Structure formats: structure tokens, C-alpha cells
Amino acid sequence: HSIARGNLKPLVARELSGNESGEV
């Protein structure tokens, strides 16, 4: 099993703006 398919995103937005969709 050598599948490397994943999401590489932070847990929270670097600048909290109330809209985290697509960034976290």
C-alpha cells in the first residue's frame, strides 16, 4: 500500500476572518 493521496491544509486559517471555506 503506497497510495499518497491526501489533503495538505492547515487546521485553521492563518488569518481568522470568519470564512474558512477552501482554506482549511
PDB file of all heavy atoms in Angstrom:
ATOM      1  N   HIS A   1       0.859  -1.190   0.000  1.00  0.00           N
ATOM      2  CA  HIS A   1       0.000   0.000   0.000  1.00  0.00           C
ATOM      3  C   HIS A   1       0.890   1.233   0.000  1.00  0.00           C
ATOM      4  O   HIS A   1       1.506   1.574   1.007  1.00  0.00           O
ATOM      5  CB  HIS A   1      -0.905  -0.016   1.232  1.00  0.00           C
ATOM      6  CG  HIS A   1      -1.963   1.048   1.223  1.00  0.00           C
ATOM      7  ND1 HIS A   1      -1.696   2.344   1.583  1.00  0.00           N
ATOM      8  CD2 HIS A   1      -3.282   1.004   0.893  1.00  0.00           C
ATOM      9  CE1 HIS A   1      -2.807   3.062   1.483  1.00  0.00           C
ATOM     10  NE2 HIS A   1      -3.777   2.267   1.061  1.00  0.00           N
ATOM     11  N   SER A   2       0.960   1.898  -1.159  1.00  0.00           N
ATOM     12  CA  SER A   2       1.833   3.065  -1.317  1.00  0.00           C
ATOM     13  C   SER A   2       1.055   4.259  -1.867  1.00  0.00           C
ATOM     14  O   SER A   2       1.611   5.090  -2.574  1.00  0.00           O
ATOM     15  CB  SER A   2       3.004   2.702  -2.253  1.00  0.00           C
ATOM     16  OG  SER A   2       3.903   3.765  -2.377  1.00  0.00           O
ATOM     17  N   ILE A   3      -0.236   4.308  -1.549  1.00  0.00           N
ATOM     18  CA  ILE A   3      -1.072   5.398  -2.047  1.00  0.00           C
ATOM     19  C   ILE A   3      -0.749   6.680  -1.293  1.00  0.00           C
ATOM     20  O   ILE A   3      -0.758   6.709  -0.070  1.00  0.00           O
ATOM     21  CB  ILE A   3      -2.570   5.056  -1.903  1.00  0.00           C
ATOM     22  CG1 ILE A   3      -2.922   3.863  -2.802  1.00  0.00           C
ATOM     23  CG2 ILE A   3      -3.433   6.263  -2.245  1.00  0.00           C
ATOM     24  CD1 ILE A   3      -4.341   3.358  -2.637  1.00  0.00           C
ATOM     25  N   ALA A   4      -0.461   7.728  -2.042  1.00  0.00           N
ATOM     26  CA  ALA A   4      -0.187   9.043  -1.454  1.00  0.00           C
ATOM     27  C   ALA A   4      -1.189  10.035  -2.031  1.00  0.00           C
ATOM     28  O   ALA A   4      -0.910  10.731  -2.998  1.00  0.00           O
ATOM     29  CB  ALA A   4       1.239   9.474  -1.751  1.00  0.00           C
ATOM     30  N   ARG A   5      -2.352  10.037  -1.440  1.00  0.00           N
ATOM     31  CA  ARG A   5      -3.419  10.926  -1.924  1.00  0.00           C
ATOM     32  C   ARG A   5      -4.109  11.536  -0.709  1.00  0.00           C
ATOM     33  O   ARG A   5      -4.883  10.873  -0.022  1.00  0.00           O
ATOM     34  CB  ARG A   5      -4.423  10.150  -2.772  1.00  0.00           C
ATOM     35  CG  ARG A   5      -5.413  11.039  -3.527  1.00  0.00           C
ATOM     36  CD  ARG A   5      -6.379  10.209  -4.340  1.00  0.00           C
ATOM     37  NE  ARG A   5      -5.699   9.276  -5.238  1.00  0.00           N
ATOM     38  CZ  ARG A   5      -6.323   8.365  -5.975  1.00  0.00           C
ATOM     39  NH1 ARG A   5      -7.642   8.243  -5.903  1.00  0.00           N
ATOM     40  NH2 ARG A   5      -5.638   7.557  -6.761  1.00  0.00           N
ATOM     41  N   GLY A   6      -3.782  12.789  -0.425  1.00  0.00           N
ATOM     42  CA  GLY A   6      -4.356  13.405   0.768  1.00  0.00           C
ATOM     43  C   GLY A   6      -4.429  14.909   0.645  1.00  0.00           C
ATOM     44  O   GLY A   6      -3.912  15.502  -0.303  1.00  0.00           O
ATOM     45  N   ASN A   7      -5.067  15.515   1.618  1.00  0.00           N
ATOM     46  CA  ASN A   7      -5.243  16.959   1.643  1.00  0.00           C
ATOM     47  C   ASN A   7      -4.203  17.597   2.550  1.00  0.00           C
ATOM     48  O   ASN A   7      -4.022  17.179   3.701  1.00  0.00           O
ATOM     49  CB  ASN A   7      -6.652  17.310   2.142  1.00  0.00           C
ATOM     50  CG  ASN A   7      -7.706  16.948   1.119  1.00  0.00           C
ATOM     51  OD1 ASN A   7      -7.888  17.635   0.135  1.00  0.00           O
ATOM     52  ND2 ASN A   7      -8.390  15.833   1.344  1.00  0.00           N
ATOM     53  N   LEU A   8      -3.520  18.595   2.031  1.00  0.00           N
ATOM     54  CA  LEU A   8      -2.474  19.287   2.772  1.00  0.00           C
ATOM     55  C   LEU A   8      -2.923  20.727   3.029  1.00  0.00           C
ATOM     56  O   LEU A   8      -2.674  21.630   2.238  1.00  0.00           O
ATOM     57  CB  LEU A   8      -1.160  19.259   1.974  1.00  0.00           C
ATOM     58  CG  LEU A   8      -0.590  17.864   1.732  1.00  0.00           C
ATOM     59  CD1 LEU A   8       0.547  17.908   0.723  1.00  0.00           C
ATOM     60  CD2 LEU A   8      -0.117  17.234   3.043  1.00  0.00           C
ATOM     61  N   LYS A   9      -3.616  20.902   4.152  1.00  0.00           N
ATOM     62  CA  LYS A   9      -4.156  22.201   4.533  1.00  0.00           C
ATOM     63  C   LYS A   9      -3.978  22.399   6.031  1.00  0.00           C
ATOM     64  O   LYS A   9      -3.887  21.438   6.783  1.00  0.00           O
ATOM     65  CB  LYS A   9      -5.656  22.289   4.198  1.00  0.00           C
ATOM     66  CG  LYS A   9      -6.015  22.068   2.735  1.00  0.00           C
ATOM     67  CD  LYS A   9      -7.531  22.054   2.573  1.00  0.00           C
ATOM     68  CE  LYS A   9      -7.953  21.704   1.154  1.00  0.00           C
ATOM     69  NZ  LYS A   9      -9.437  21.622   1.043  1.00  0.00           N
ATOM     70  N   PRO A  10      -3.961  23.649   6.482  1.00  0.00           N
ATOM     71  CA  PRO A  10      -3.884  23.894   7.929  1.00  0.00           C
ATOM     72  C   PRO A  10      -5.220  23.615   8.610  1.00  0.00           C
ATOM     73  O   PRO A  10      -6.267  23.553   7.954  1.00  0.00           O
ATOM     74  CB  PRO A  10      -3.526  25.379   8.006  1.00  0.00           C
ATOM     75  CG  PRO A  10      -4.109  25.958   6.756  1.00  0.00           C
ATOM     76  CD  PRO A  10      -3.946  24.893   5.698  1.00  0.00           C
ATOM     77  N   LEU A  11      -5.190  23.470   9.918  1.00  0.00           N
ATOM     78  CA  LEU A  11      -6.421  23.232  10.684  1.00  0.00           C
ATOM     79  C   LEU A  11      -7.272  24.493  10.803  1.00  0.00           C
ATOM     80  O   LEU A  11      -8.502  24.425  10.854  1.00  0.00           O
ATOM     81  CB  LEU A  11      -6.070  22.722  12.084  1.00  0.00           C
ATOM     82  CG  LEU A  11      -5.422  21.354  12.179  1.00  0.00           C
ATOM     83  CD1 LEU A  11      -5.126  21.020  13.640  1.00  0.00           C
ATOM     84  CD2 LEU A  11      -6.311  20.283  11.565  1.00  0.00           C
ATOM     85  N   VAL A  12      -6.621  25.625  10.899  1.00  0.00           N
ATOM     86  CA  VAL A  12      -7.340  26.904  10.992  1.00  0.00           C
ATOM     87  C   VAL A  12      -6.707  27.888  10.026  1.00  0.00           C
ATOM     88  O   VAL A  12      -5.525  27.774   9.671  1.00  0.00           O
ATOM     89  CB  VAL A  12      -7.306  27.493  12.431  1.00  0.00           C
ATOM     90  CG1 VAL A  12      -8.074  26.599  13.389  1.00  0.00           C
ATOM     91  CG2 VAL A  12      -5.873  27.687  12.909  1.00  0.00           C
ATOM     92  N   ALA A  13      -7.504  28.880   9.617  1.00  0.00           N
ATOM     93  CA  ALA A  13      -6.999  29.882   8.691  1.00  0.00           C
ATOM     94  C   ALA A  13      -5.881  30.689   9.341  1.00  0.00           C
ATOM     95  O   ALA A  13      -5.900  30.941  10.550  1.00  0.00           O
ATOM     96  CB  ALA A  13      -8.136  30.804   8.262  1.00  0.00           C
ATOM     97  N   ARG A  14      -4.914  31.046   8.528  1.00  0.00           N
ATOM     98  CA  ARG A  14      -3.794  31.822   9.071  1.00  0.00           C
ATOM     99  C   ARG A  14      -4.244  33.184   9.597  1.00  0.00           C
ATOM    100  O   ARG A  14      -3.670  33.733  10.516  1.00  0.00           O
ATOM    101  CB  ARG A  14      -2.721  31.972   7.993  1.00  0.00           C
ATOM    102  CG  ARG A  14      -2.008  30.644   7.713  1.00  0.00           C
ATOM    103  CD  ARG A  14      -1.029  30.741   6.550  1.00  0.00           C
ATOM    104  NE  ARG A  14      -0.321  29.483   6.378  1.00  0.00           N
ATOM    105  CZ  ARG A  14      -0.804  28.441   5.708  1.00  0.00           C
ATOM    106  NH1 ARG A  14      -2.005  28.513   5.161  1.00  0.00           N
ATOM    107  NH2 ARG A  14      -0.107  27.326   5.583  1.00  0.00           N
ATOM    108  N   GLU A  15      -5.284  33.724   8.979  1.00  0.00           N
ATOM    109  CA  GLU A  15      -5.901  34.956   9.475  1.00  0.00           C
ATOM    110  C   GLU A  15      -7.390  34.689   9.647  1.00  0.00           C
ATOM    111  O   GLU A  15      -8.101  34.506   8.669  1.00  0.00           O
ATOM    112  CB  GLU A  15      -5.685  36.114   8.504  1.00  0.00           C
ATOM    113  CG  GLU A  15      -4.225  36.530   8.387  1.00  0.00           C
ATOM    114  CD  GLU A  15      -4.060  37.751   7.493  1.00  0.00           C
ATOM    115  OE1 GLU A  15      -5.093  38.336   7.096  1.00  0.00           O
ATOM    116  OE2 GLU A  15      -2.909  38.106   7.192  1.00  0.00           O
ATOM    117  N   LEU A  16      -7.843  34.639  10.882  1.00  0.00           N
ATOM    118  CA  LEU A  16      -9.232  34.316  11.149  1.00  0.00           C
ATOM    119  C   LEU A  16     -10.125  35.445  10.642  1.00  0.00           C
ATOM    120  O   LEU A  16     -10.029  36.587  11.084  1.00  0.00           O
ATOM    121  CB  LEU A  16      -9.448  34.104  12.651  1.00  0.00           C
ATOM    122  CG  LEU A  16      -8.747  32.872  13.248  1.00  0.00           C
ATOM    123  CD1 LEU A  16      -8.978  32.812  14.747  1.00  0.00           C
ATOM    124  CD2 LEU A  16      -9.258  31.602  12.585  1.00  0.00           C
ATOM    125  N   SER A  17     -10.994  35.108   9.705  1.00  0.00           N
ATOM    126  CA  SER A  17     -11.878  36.112   9.115  1.00  0.00           C
ATOM    127  C   SER A  17     -13.342  35.722   9.199  1.00  0.00           C
ATOM    128  O   SER A  17     -14.207  36.435   8.735  1.00  0.00           O
ATOM    129  CB  SER A  17     -11.517  36.332   7.640  1.00  0.00           C
ATOM    130  OG  SER A  17     -11.691  35.127   6.912  1.00  0.00           O
ATOM    131  N   GLY A  18     -13.585  34.553   9.771  1.00  0.00           N
ATOM    132  CA  GLY A  18     -14.967  34.075   9.840  1.00  0.00           C
ATOM    133  C   GLY A  18     -15.356  33.230   8.651  1.00  0.00           C
ATOM    134  O   GLY A  18     -16.391  32.574   8.647  1.00  0.00           O
ATOM    135  N   ASN A  19     -14.535  33.250   7.593  1.00  0.00           N
ATOM    136  CA  ASN A  19     -14.816  32.444   6.411  1.00  0.00           C
ATOM    137  C   ASN A  19     -13.609  31.557   6.131  1.00  0.00           C
ATOM    138  O   ASN A  19     -12.602  32.012   5.603  1.00  0.00           O
ATOM    139  CB  ASN A  19     -15.098  33.343   5.202  1.00  0.00           C
ATOM    140  CG  ASN A  19     -15.366  32.525   3.942  1.00  0.00           C
ATOM    141  OD1 ASN A  19     -15.619  31.324   4.027  1.00  0.00           O
ATOM    142  ND2 ASN A  19     -15.311  33.166   2.793  1.00  0.00           N
ATOM    143  N   GLU A  20     -13.720  30.295   6.500  1.00  0.00           N
ATOM    144  CA  GLU A  20     -12.587  29.387   6.366  1.00  0.00           C
ATOM    145  C   GLU A  20     -12.740  28.412   5.201  1.00  0.00           C
ATOM    146  O   GLU A  20     -11.913  27.551   5.002  1.00  0.00           O
ATOM    147  CB  GLU A  20     -12.405  28.591   7.661  1.00  0.00           C
ATOM    148  CG  GLU A  20     -12.028  29.445   8.847  1.00  0.00           C
ATOM    149  CD  GLU A  20     -11.851  28.614  10.102  1.00  0.00           C
ATOM    150  OE1 GLU A  20     -12.424  27.511  10.172  1.00  0.00           O
ATOM    151  OE2 GLU A  20     -11.149  29.074  10.997  1.00  0.00           O
ATOM    152  N   SER A  21     -13.812  28.548   4.417  1.00  0.00           N
ATOM    153  CA  SER A  21     -14.075  27.591   3.349  1.00  0.00           C
ATOM    154  C   SER A  21     -12.945  27.615   2.319  1.00  0.00           C
ATOM    155  O   SER A  21     -12.489  28.659   1.885  1.00  0.00           O
ATOM    156  CB  SER A  21     -15.405  27.911   2.667  1.00  0.00           C
ATOM    157  OG  SER A  21     -15.362  29.194   2.083  1.00  0.00           O
ATOM    158  N   GLY A  22     -12.487  26.408   1.934  1.00  0.00           N
ATOM    159  CA  GLY A  22     -11.465  26.281   0.917  1.00  0.00           C
ATOM    160  C   GLY A  22     -10.057  26.532   1.392  1.00  0.00           C
ATOM    161  O   GLY A  22      -9.098  26.275   0.674  1.00  0.00           O
ATOM    162  N   GLU A  23      -9.863  27.037   2.603  1.00  0.00           N
ATOM    163  CA  GLU A  23      -8.533  27.373   3.084  1.00  0.00           C
ATOM    164  C   GLU A  23      -8.047  26.432   4.174  1.00  0.00           C
ATOM    165  O   GLU A  23      -6.848  26.351   4.414  1.00  0.00           O
ATOM    166  CB  GLU A  23      -8.520  28.806   3.629  1.00  0.00           C
ATOM    167  CG  GLU A  23      -8.841  29.861   2.592  1.00  0.00           C
ATOM    168  CD  GLU A  23      -8.813  31.261   3.172  1.00  0.00           C
ATOM    169  OE1 GLU A  23      -8.465  31.399   4.363  1.00  0.00           O
ATOM    170  OE2 GLU A  23      -9.143  32.199   2.448  1.00  0.00           O
ATOM    171  N   VAL A  24      -8.967  25.775   4.842  1.00  0.00           N
ATOM    172  CA  VAL A  24      -8.584  24.941   5.969  1.00  0.00           C
ATOM    173  C   VAL A  24      -9.101  23.517   5.776  1.00  0.00           C
ATOM    174  O   VAL A  24      -9.947  23.249   4.931  1.00  0.00           O
ATOM    175  CB  VAL A  24      -9.139  25.506   7.294  1.00  0.00           C
ATOM    176  CG1 VAL A  24      -8.579  26.885   7.557  1.00  0.00           C
ATOM    177  CG2 VAL A  24     -10.655  25.541   7.279  1.00  0.00           C
TER     178      VAL A  24
END
